[in-house]
Amino acid sequence: MDAGLLIRWGQILPGREDQALTLFDESVNYFLSLIESGRITAFEPFLFTISDFEEEQGFFIVKGPVAEIFSLMDSDEYKTFVTKANLLLQHLQINMLNVGDGVTAQLERYTKVRTELHI
């Protein structure tokens, strides 16, 4: 089963624009290398054209086998990426996603529990 990460970021802290752009490039190259090595199955960056730009400038979607996503989140490279982002951005949010068959399983679980609770 696959899982995903939604990595959302907001405004860059003033004076740290060059470092943030470098981190963006490093992050894209890092996630693309994970696709090339077969650790993840998908990666795509998105930038907003209309948004509350203080809250969100853009986001990454990362998708791969659950075990690889957890391994990725436990890696020093990923933890360094998150630490740098925390120091360069006013807003950083990372969410775990159900994707593919995980969405179906979550909906089936919801239906089963709803039935058990007589709701």
N, C-alpha and C. Protein backbone atom coordinates (compact mmCIF):
# COMPACT_ATOMS: atom_id res chain seq x y z
N MET A 1 0.84 -1.17 0.00
CA MET A 1 0.00 0.00 0.00
C MET A 1 0.89 1.24 0.00
N ASP A 2 0.43 2.26 -0.72
CA ASP A 2 1.17 3.52 -0.79
C ASP A 2 0.66 4.52 0.23
N ALA A 3 1.50 5.48 0.54
CA ALA A 3 1.15 6.61 1.38
C ALA A 3 1.70 7.85 0.70
N GLY A 4 1.34 8.99 1.21
CA GLY A 4 1.83 10.23 0.63
C GLY A 4 2.16 11.25 1.69
N LEU A 5 2.92 12.23 1.28
CA LEU A 5 3.21 13.39 2.11
C LEU A 5 2.78 14.63 1.35
N LEU A 6 2.12 15.53 2.05
CA LEU A 6 1.79 16.84 1.52
C LEU A 6 2.63 17.82 2.33
N ILE A 7 3.60 18.44 1.66
CA ILE A 7 4.53 19.36 2.33
C ILE A 7 4.21 20.76 1.84
N ARG A 8 3.61 21.58 2.71
CA ARG A 8 3.15 22.91 2.34
C ARG A 8 4.02 23.96 3.02
N TRP A 9 4.32 25.03 2.28
CA TRP A 9 5.14 26.08 2.85
C TRP A 9 4.54 27.45 2.54
N GLY A 10 4.86 28.40 3.42
CA GLY A 10 4.37 29.76 3.27
C GLY A 10 5.49 30.73 2.97
N GLN A 11 5.30 31.93 3.43
CA GLN A 11 6.19 33.03 3.12
C GLN A 11 7.61 32.78 3.63
N ILE A 12 8.56 33.20 2.81
CA ILE A 12 9.97 33.11 3.18
C ILE A 12 10.28 34.24 4.16
N LEU A 13 11.06 33.93 5.18
CA LEU A 13 11.45 34.96 6.13
C LEU A 13 12.32 36.00 5.42
N PRO A 14 12.07 37.29 5.66
CA PRO A 14 12.85 38.35 5.01
C PRO A 14 14.35 38.17 5.24
N GLY A 15 15.11 38.36 4.17
CA GLY A 15 16.56 38.23 4.23
C GLY A 15 17.06 36.82 3.99
N ARG A 16 16.14 35.86 3.87
CA ARG A 16 16.55 34.47 3.68
C ARG A 16 16.11 33.92 2.33
N GLU A 17 15.80 34.82 1.40
CA GLU A 17 15.27 34.42 0.10
C GLU A 17 16.24 33.53 -0.68
N ASP A 18 17.51 33.91 -0.74
CA ASP A 18 18.48 33.11 -1.50
C ASP A 18 18.62 31.71 -0.91
N GLN A 19 18.69 31.62 0.42
CA GLN A 19 18.80 30.32 1.08
C GLN A 19 17.56 29.47 0.84
N ALA A 20 16.39 30.10 0.85
CA ALA A 20 15.15 29.36 0.63
C ALA A 20 15.07 28.83 -0.81
N LEU A 21 15.50 29.64 -1.78
CA LEU A 21 15.50 29.17 -3.17
C LEU A 21 16.49 28.02 -3.35
N THR A 22 17.63 28.10 -2.69
CA THR A 22 18.60 27.01 -2.73
C THR A 22 18.00 25.75 -2.12
N LEU A 23 17.31 25.89 -0.99
CA LEU A 23 16.67 24.74 -0.35
C LEU A 23 15.60 24.14 -1.26
N PHE A 24 14.84 24.97 -1.95
CA PHE A 24 13.82 24.47 -2.88
C PHE A 24 14.49 23.60 -3.94
N ASP A 25 15.56 24.10 -4.56
CA ASP A 25 16.28 23.34 -5.59
C ASP A 25 16.84 22.04 -5.03
N GLU A 26 17.44 22.10 -3.84
CA GLU A 26 18.00 20.90 -3.20
C GLU A 26 16.89 19.88 -2.93
N SER A 27 15.75 20.37 -2.48
CA SER A 27 14.63 19.48 -2.16
C SER A 27 14.11 18.78 -3.41
N VAL A 28 13.93 19.54 -4.48
CA VAL A 28 13.47 18.94 -5.74
C VAL A 28 14.45 17.87 -6.20
N ASN A 29 15.73 18.19 -6.18
CA ASN A 29 16.75 17.21 -6.61
C ASN A 29 16.75 15.98 -5.70
N TYR A 30 16.57 16.18 -4.40
CA TYR A 30 16.53 15.07 -3.44
C TYR A 30 15.36 14.14 -3.74
N PHE A 31 14.17 14.71 -3.87
CA PHE A 31 13.01 13.86 -4.12
C PHE A 31 13.08 13.19 -5.49
N LEU A 32 13.60 13.87 -6.50
CA LEU A 32 13.77 13.23 -7.81
C LEU A 32 14.77 12.08 -7.73
N SER A 33 15.81 12.22 -6.90
CA SER A 33 16.77 11.13 -6.74
C SER A 33 16.11 9.92 -6.07
N LEU A 34 15.13 10.17 -5.19
CA LEU A 34 14.40 9.07 -4.55
C LEU A 34 13.53 8.33 -5.57
N ILE A 35 13.00 9.05 -6.55
CA ILE A 35 12.26 8.38 -7.63
C ILE A 35 13.22 7.53 -8.45
N GLU A 36 14.35 8.10 -8.83
CA GLU A 36 15.34 7.38 -9.63
C GLU A 36 15.83 6.11 -8.94
N SER A 37 15.96 6.15 -7.62
CA SER A 37 16.43 4.98 -6.87
C SER A 37 15.29 4.01 -6.56
N GLY A 38 14.05 4.37 -6.91
CA GLY A 38 12.92 3.49 -6.69
C GLY A 38 12.33 3.51 -5.29
N ARG A 39 12.79 4.45 -4.46
CA ARG A 39 12.28 4.52 -3.08
C ARG A 39 10.88 5.12 -3.01
N ILE A 40 10.61 6.12 -3.86
CA ILE A 40 9.27 6.68 -3.94
C ILE A 40 8.78 6.55 -5.38
N THR A 41 7.47 6.65 -5.55
CA THR A 41 6.89 6.44 -6.88
C THR A 41 6.49 7.74 -7.57
N ALA A 42 6.30 8.81 -6.81
CA ALA A 42 5.88 10.06 -7.42
C ALA A 42 6.33 11.24 -6.56
N PHE A 43 6.62 12.33 -7.26
CA PHE A 43 6.95 13.59 -6.60
C PHE A 43 6.57 14.70 -7.56
N GLU A 44 5.91 15.73 -7.03
CA GLU A 44 5.60 16.88 -7.86
C GLU A 44 5.52 18.14 -7.00
N PRO A 45 6.22 19.20 -7.44
CA PRO A 45 6.10 20.49 -6.75
C PRO A 45 4.98 21.32 -7.38
N PHE A 46 4.32 22.13 -6.57
CA PHE A 46 3.27 23.03 -7.03
C PHE A 46 3.51 24.40 -6.43
N LEU A 47 3.26 25.45 -7.20
CA LEU A 47 3.31 26.83 -6.71
C LEU A 47 1.95 27.47 -6.97
N PHE A 48 1.46 28.22 -6.00
CA PHE A 48 0.17 28.88 -6.14
C PHE A 48 0.30 30.12 -7.02
N THR A 49 -0.75 30.39 -7.80
CA THR A 49 -0.85 31.66 -8.52
C THR A 49 -1.77 32.62 -7.77
N ILE A 50 -2.72 32.04 -7.03
CA ILE A 50 -3.63 32.82 -6.19
C ILE A 50 -3.69 32.09 -4.84
N SER A 51 -3.46 32.84 -3.75
CA SER A 51 -3.44 32.22 -2.43
C SER A 51 -3.34 33.29 -1.37
N ASP A 52 -3.42 32.89 -0.13
CA ASP A 52 -3.00 33.72 0.99
C ASP A 52 -1.50 33.45 1.10
N PHE A 53 -0.70 34.26 0.44
CA PHE A 53 0.73 33.96 0.29
C PHE A 53 1.51 34.00 1.59
N GLU A 54 0.98 34.61 2.62
CA GLU A 54 1.65 34.51 3.91
C GLU A 54 1.51 33.08 4.44
N GLU A 55 0.36 32.49 4.20
CA GLU A 55 0.08 31.14 4.69
C GLU A 55 0.66 30.06 3.78
N GLU A 56 0.47 30.23 2.47
CA GLU A 56 0.94 29.20 1.54
C GLU A 56 1.45 29.81 0.24
N GLN A 57 2.66 29.37 -0.12
CA GLN A 57 3.26 29.74 -1.40
C GLN A 57 3.18 28.57 -2.38
N GLY A 58 3.24 27.35 -1.82
CA GLY A 58 3.22 26.17 -2.66
C GLY A 58 3.30 24.91 -1.82
N PHE A 59 3.42 23.78 -2.51
CA PHE A 59 3.50 22.51 -1.81
C PHE A 59 4.14 21.45 -2.70
N PHE A 60 4.63 20.40 -2.04
CA PHE A 60 5.12 19.20 -2.70
C PHE A 60 4.15 18.07 -2.38
N ILE A 61 3.98 17.16 -3.33
CA ILE A 61 3.30 15.90 -3.05
C ILE A 61 4.32 14.80 -3.32
N VAL A 62 4.50 13.94 -2.33
CA VAL A 62 5.42 12.81 -2.40
C VAL A 62 4.59 11.55 -2.19
N LYS A 63 4.81 10.54 -3.01
CA LYS A 63 4.03 9.30 -2.91
C LYS A 63 4.97 8.11 -3.03
N GLY A 64 4.70 7.07 -2.21
CA GLY A 64 5.50 5.86 -2.29
C GLY A 64 4.98 4.82 -1.33
N PRO A 65 5.61 3.64 -1.33
CA PRO A 65 5.21 2.59 -0.40
C PRO A 65 5.29 3.09 1.05
N VAL A 66 4.33 2.67 1.87
CA VAL A 66 4.26 3.13 3.26
C VAL A 66 5.61 2.99 3.97
N ALA A 67 6.24 1.83 3.84
CA ALA A 67 7.52 1.59 4.53
C ALA A 67 8.58 2.59 4.07
N GLU A 68 8.60 2.93 2.79
CA GLU A 68 9.59 3.88 2.27
C GLU A 68 9.30 5.30 2.74
N ILE A 69 8.01 5.65 2.82
CA ILE A 69 7.66 6.99 3.32
C ILE A 69 8.11 7.14 4.77
N PHE A 70 7.86 6.10 5.60
CA PHE A 70 8.30 6.17 6.99
C PHE A 70 9.82 6.18 7.08
N SER A 71 10.48 5.40 6.24
CA SER A 71 11.94 5.38 6.22
C SER A 71 12.48 6.75 5.80
N LEU A 72 11.87 7.33 4.80
CA LEU A 72 12.24 8.67 4.34
C LEU A 72 12.13 9.68 5.49
N MET A 73 11.00 9.65 6.21
CA MET A 73 10.77 10.61 7.30
C MET A 73 11.76 10.41 8.45
N ASP A 74 12.34 9.22 8.54
CA ASP A 74 13.31 8.94 9.60
C ASP A 74 14.75 9.20 9.16
N SER A 75 14.94 9.56 7.89
CA SER A 75 16.31 9.76 7.38
C SER A 75 16.87 11.11 7.81
N ASP A 76 18.17 11.17 7.94
CA ASP A 76 18.84 12.42 8.30
C ASP A 76 18.65 13.49 7.22
N GLU A 77 18.64 13.08 5.95
CA GLU A 77 18.46 14.03 4.86
C GLU A 77 17.11 14.74 4.97
N TYR A 78 16.06 13.96 5.21
CA TYR A 78 14.72 14.52 5.33
C TYR A 78 14.62 15.42 6.57
N LYS A 79 15.15 14.94 7.69
CA LYS A 79 15.09 15.74 8.92
C LYS A 79 15.86 17.05 8.76
N THR A 80 16.96 17.03 8.02
CA THR A 80 17.72 18.25 7.75
C THR A 80 16.91 19.19 6.87
N PHE A 81 16.25 18.65 5.85
CA PHE A 81 15.37 19.45 4.99
C PHE A 81 14.30 20.15 5.82
N VAL A 82 13.64 19.42 6.70
CA VAL A 82 12.58 19.98 7.54
C VAL A 82 13.14 21.05 8.48
N THR A 83 14.31 20.80 9.05
CA THR A 83 14.93 21.78 9.96
C THR A 83 15.28 23.06 9.21
N LYS A 84 15.87 22.93 8.04
CA LYS A 84 16.20 24.12 7.24
C LYS A 84 14.92 24.89 6.89
N ALA A 85 13.89 24.17 6.46
CA ALA A 85 12.63 24.82 6.08
C ALA A 85 12.04 25.57 7.28
N ASN A 86 12.12 24.97 8.46
CA ASN A 86 11.61 25.64 9.67
C ASN A 86 12.35 26.94 9.96
N LEU A 87 13.62 27.00 9.61
CA LEU A 87 14.42 28.19 9.88
C LEU A 87 14.32 29.25 8.78
N LEU A 88 13.81 28.87 7.61
CA LEU A 88 13.75 29.79 6.48
C LEU A 88 12.35 30.28 6.14
N LEU A 89 11.34 29.59 6.67
CA LEU A 89 9.95 29.88 6.29
C LEU A 89 9.12 30.27 7.51
N GLN A 90 8.12 31.11 7.27
CA GLN A 90 7.21 31.47 8.36
C GLN A 90 6.18 30.38 8.62
N HIS A 91 5.97 29.52 7.64
CA HIS A 91 4.95 28.49 7.77
C HIS A 91 5.42 27.23 7.06
N LEU A 92 5.35 26.11 7.76
CA LEU A 92 5.65 24.81 7.17
C LEU A 92 4.68 23.82 7.78
N GLN A 93 3.99 23.08 6.92
CA GLN A 93 3.06 22.06 7.40
C GLN A 93 3.26 20.80 6.57
N ILE A 94 3.36 19.67 7.27
CA ILE A 94 3.55 18.38 6.60
C ILE A 94 2.44 17.45 7.06
N ASN A 95 1.72 16.89 6.10
CA ASN A 95 0.61 15.99 6.39
C ASN A 95 0.86 14.64 5.74
N MET A 96 0.49 13.57 6.46
CA MET A 96 0.53 12.21 5.92
C MET A 96 -0.79 11.98 5.18
N LEU A 97 -0.72 11.36 4.02
CA LEU A 97 -1.90 11.14 3.18
C LEU A 97 -2.15 9.67 2.95
N ASN A 98 -3.41 9.29 2.93
CA ASN A 98 -3.81 8.02 2.36
C ASN A 98 -3.95 8.25 0.87
N VAL A 99 -3.41 7.35 0.07
CA VAL A 99 -3.50 7.46 -1.38
C VAL A 99 -3.85 6.09 -1.95
N GLY A 100 -4.34 6.06 -3.18
CA GLY A 100 -4.65 4.80 -3.84
C GLY A 100 -5.58 3.92 -3.03
N ASP A 101 -5.16 2.67 -2.80
CA ASP A 101 -5.97 1.71 -2.03
C ASP A 101 -6.21 2.18 -0.61
N GLY A 102 -5.35 3.02 -0.07
CA GLY A 102 -5.52 3.53 1.28
C GLY A 102 -6.78 4.38 1.41
N VAL A 103 -7.15 5.08 0.33
CA VAL A 103 -8.37 5.88 0.35
C VAL A 103 -9.58 4.96 0.46
N THR A 104 -9.58 3.90 -0.35
CA THR A 104 -10.68 2.92 -0.30
C THR A 104 -10.76 2.28 1.08
N ALA A 105 -9.63 1.88 1.64
CA ALA A 105 -9.61 1.25 2.97
C ALA A 105 -10.14 2.22 4.03
N GLN A 106 -9.77 3.49 3.95
CA GLN A 106 -10.24 4.48 4.92
C GLN A 106 -11.76 4.66 4.82
N LEU A 107 -12.28 4.71 3.60
CA LEU A 107 -13.73 4.86 3.42
C LEU A 107 -14.48 3.62 3.91
N GLU A 108 -13.93 2.43 3.65
CA GLU A 108 -14.56 1.20 4.14
C GLU A 108 -14.56 1.16 5.66
N ARG A 109 -13.45 1.58 6.27
CA ARG A 109 -13.37 1.62 7.73
C ARG A 109 -14.39 2.59 8.30
N TYR A 110 -14.52 3.74 7.67
CA TYR A 110 -15.50 4.74 8.10
C TYR A 110 -16.92 4.16 8.05
N THR A 111 -17.26 3.50 6.95
CA THR A 111 -18.59 2.92 6.80
C THR A 111 -18.84 1.85 7.85
N LYS A 112 -17.83 0.99 8.09
CA LYS A 112 -17.97 -0.07 9.08
C LYS A 112 -18.18 0.50 10.48
N VAL A 113 -17.37 1.46 10.87
CA VAL A 113 -17.48 2.05 12.21
C VAL A 113 -18.79 2.81 12.33
N ARG A 114 -19.20 3.50 11.30
CA ARG A 114 -20.47 4.22 11.33
C ARG A 114 -21.63 3.25 11.57
N THR A 115 -21.57 2.08 10.90
CA THR A 115 -22.59 1.07 11.10
C THR A 115 -22.56 0.53 12.52
N GLU A 116 -21.37 0.24 13.04
CA GLU A 116 -21.22 -0.25 14.41
C GLU A 116 -21.76 0.74 15.44
N LEU A 117 -21.60 2.03 15.17
CA LEU A 117 -22.08 3.07 16.08
C LEU A 117 -23.54 3.44 15.85
N HIS A 118 -24.16 2.81 14.83
CA HIS A 118 -25.56 3.08 14.49
C HIS A 118 -25.80 4.56 14.19
N ILE A 119 -24.90 5.11 13.41
CA ILE A 119 -25.01 6.54 13.04
C ILE A 119 -25.55 6.63 11.62
